[in-house]
Amino acid sequence: MAQQAVLNRRDCQLLQMIGANIVYYRKRLGLTQEKMAEKADISRVHLARVEAGIGTASLPLLFTISEALDIPLKALFDFPEGY
């Protein structure tokens, strides 16, 4: 049986902030989740989970998402000062 990683509070906050950044840039481009998911070649459900901070995304997937949003990968990790 595979072990599931248990996320601590900070990890959950990081996932939520990454998700919020994805939503921000997606909406800035006027893309629906469906259109964004097509551009990133993932399911809309997976994208929705990542945006909500309840689903994880691999680094290669985050890179693909950043390319679909036409932003540098580091923009997804642009968090409020002091975090």
C-alpha atoms as a PDB file:
ATOM      1  CA  MET A   1       0.000   0.000   0.000  1.00  0.00           C
ATOM      2  CA  ALA A   2       1.364   3.427  -0.954  1.00  0.00           C
ATOM      3  CA  GLN A   3       1.861   5.951   1.813  1.00  0.00           C
ATOM      4  CA  GLN A   4       0.109   9.274   1.472  1.00  0.00           C
ATOM      5  CA  ALA A   5       2.011  12.367   2.398  1.00  0.00           C
ATOM      6  CA  VAL A   6       0.477  14.330   5.211  1.00  0.00           C
ATOM      7  CA  LEU A   7       0.552  18.051   4.555  1.00  0.00           C
ATOM      8  CA  ASN A   8       1.159  20.394   7.436  1.00  0.00           C
ATOM      9  CA  ARG A   9      -0.528  23.767   7.761  1.00  0.00           C
ATOM     10  CA  ARG A  10       2.278  25.660   5.994  1.00  0.00           C
ATOM     11  CA  ASP A  11       2.224  23.235   3.063  1.00  0.00           C
ATOM     12  CA  CYS A  12      -1.532  23.716   2.723  1.00  0.00           C
ATOM     13  CA  GLN A  13      -1.092  27.499   2.756  1.00  0.00           C
ATOM     14  CA  LEU A  14       1.569  27.250   0.042  1.00  0.00           C
ATOM     15  CA  LEU A  15      -0.733  25.157  -2.147  1.00  0.00           C
ATOM     16  CA  GLN A  16      -3.535  27.683  -1.643  1.00  0.00           C
ATOM     17  CA  MET A  17      -1.296  30.606  -2.584  1.00  0.00           C
ATOM     18  CA  ILE A  18      -0.039  28.839  -5.709  1.00  0.00           C
ATOM     19  CA  GLY A  19      -3.642  28.065  -6.611  1.00  0.00           C
ATOM     20  CA  ALA A  20      -4.680  31.681  -6.049  1.00  0.00           C
ATOM     21  CA  ASN A  21      -1.882  32.845  -8.357  1.00  0.00           C
ATOM     22  CA  ILE A  22      -3.041  30.427 -11.058  1.00  0.00           C
ATOM     23  CA  VAL A  23      -6.597  31.760 -10.755  1.00  0.00           C
ATOM     24  CA  TYR A  24      -5.358  35.360 -10.903  1.00  0.00           C
ATOM     25  CA  TYR A  25      -3.339  34.852 -14.092  1.00  0.00           C
ATOM     26  CA  ARG A  26      -6.019  32.662 -15.691  1.00  0.00           C
ATOM     27  CA  LYS A  27      -8.711  35.275 -15.119  1.00  0.00           C
ATOM     28  CA  ARG A  28      -6.379  38.032 -16.286  1.00  0.00           C
ATOM     29  CA  LEU A  29      -6.271  36.217 -19.630  1.00  0.00           C
ATOM     30  CA  GLY A  30     -10.044  35.770 -19.615  1.00  0.00           C
ATOM     31  CA  LEU A  31      -9.771  31.985 -19.638  1.00  0.00           C
ATOM     32  CA  THR A  32     -12.336  29.626 -18.178  1.00  0.00           C
ATOM     33  CA  GLN A  33     -11.117  26.608 -16.242  1.00  0.00           C
ATOM     34  CA  GLU A  34     -12.139  24.479 -19.223  1.00  0.00           C
ATOM     35  CA  LYS A  35     -10.050  26.506 -21.705  1.00  0.00           C
ATOM     36  CA  MET A  36      -7.106  26.674 -19.302  1.00  0.00           C
ATOM     37  CA  ALA A  37      -7.246  22.922 -18.715  1.00  0.00           C
ATOM     38  CA  GLU A  38      -7.204  22.350 -22.480  1.00  0.00           C
ATOM     39  CA  LYS A  39      -4.154  24.610 -22.884  1.00  0.00           C
ATOM     40  CA  ALA A  40      -2.333  22.779 -20.077  1.00  0.00           C
ATOM     41  CA  ASP A  41      -3.529  19.355 -21.264  1.00  0.00           C
ATOM     42  CA  ILE A  42      -5.033  18.383 -17.907  1.00  0.00           C
ATOM     43  CA  SER A  43      -8.587  17.721 -16.761  1.00  0.00           C
ATOM     44  CA  ARG A  44     -10.717  20.620 -15.607  1.00  0.00           C
ATOM     45  CA  VAL A  45     -11.288  18.783 -12.313  1.00  0.00           C
ATOM     46  CA  HIS A  46      -7.537  18.511 -11.674  1.00  0.00           C
ATOM     47  CA  LEU A  47      -7.076  22.207 -12.477  1.00  0.00           C
ATOM     48  CA  ALA A  48      -9.948  23.124 -10.144  1.00  0.00           C
ATOM     49  CA  ARG A  49      -8.355  21.116  -7.320  1.00  0.00           C
ATOM     50  CA  VAL A  50      -4.959  22.757  -7.865  1.00  0.00           C
ATOM     51  CA  GLU A  51      -6.553  26.216  -7.981  1.00  0.00           C
ATOM     52  CA  ALA A  52      -8.436  25.495  -4.753  1.00  0.00           C
ATOM     53  CA  GLY A  53      -5.246  24.372  -3.038  1.00  0.00           C
ATOM     54  CA  ILE A  54      -6.644  20.907  -2.341  1.00  0.00           C
ATOM     55  CA  GLY A  55      -4.815  19.135  -5.126  1.00  0.00           C
ATOM     56  CA  THR A  56      -1.089  18.897  -5.611  1.00  0.00           C
ATOM     57  CA  ALA A  57       0.763  19.608  -8.812  1.00  0.00           C
ATOM     58  CA  SER A  58       4.175  18.365  -9.845  1.00  0.00           C
ATOM     59  CA  LEU A  59       6.860  20.829 -10.840  1.00  0.00           C
ATOM     60  CA  PRO A  60       6.555  19.790 -14.515  1.00  0.00           C
ATOM     61  CA  LEU A  61       2.800  20.427 -14.345  1.00  0.00           C
ATOM     62  CA  LEU A  62       3.333  23.856 -12.769  1.00  0.00           C
ATOM     63  CA  PHE A  63       5.786  24.618 -15.572  1.00  0.00           C
ATOM     64  CA  THR A  64       3.177  23.574 -18.149  1.00  0.00           C
ATOM     65  CA  ILE A  65       0.561  25.737 -16.418  1.00  0.00           C
ATOM     66  CA  SER A  66       2.914  28.726 -16.390  1.00  0.00           C
ATOM     67  CA  GLU A  67       3.569  28.260 -20.106  1.00  0.00           C
ATOM     68  CA  ALA A  68      -0.177  28.090 -20.792  1.00  0.00           C
ATOM     69  CA  LEU A  69      -0.569  31.337 -18.826  1.00  0.00           C
ATOM     70  CA  ASP A  70       2.404  32.883 -20.660  1.00  0.00           C
ATOM     71  CA  ILE A  71       4.146  33.751 -17.398  1.00  0.00           C
ATOM     72  CA  PRO A  72       7.476  32.695 -15.885  1.00  0.00           C
ATOM     73  CA  LEU A  73       7.236  29.746 -13.502  1.00  0.00           C
ATOM     74  CA  LYS A  74       8.462  31.917 -10.634  1.00  0.00           C
ATOM     75  CA  ALA A  75       5.297  34.069 -10.920  1.00  0.00           C
ATOM     76  CA  LEU A  76       3.307  31.183  -9.433  1.00  0.00           C
ATOM     77  CA  PHE A  77       5.523  31.428  -6.344  1.00  0.00           C
ATOM     78  CA  ASP A  78       5.165  35.186  -5.879  1.00  0.00           C
ATOM     79  CA  PHE A  79       3.751  35.285  -2.354  1.00  0.00           C
ATOM     80  CA  PRO A  80       3.048  38.164   0.014  1.00  0.00           C
ATOM     81  CA  GLU A  81       6.105  39.681   1.625  1.00  0.00           C
ATOM     82  CA  GLY A  82       7.190  37.955   4.788  1.00  0.00           C
ATOM     83  CA  TYR A  83       6.003  34.504   3.844  1.00  0.00           C
END
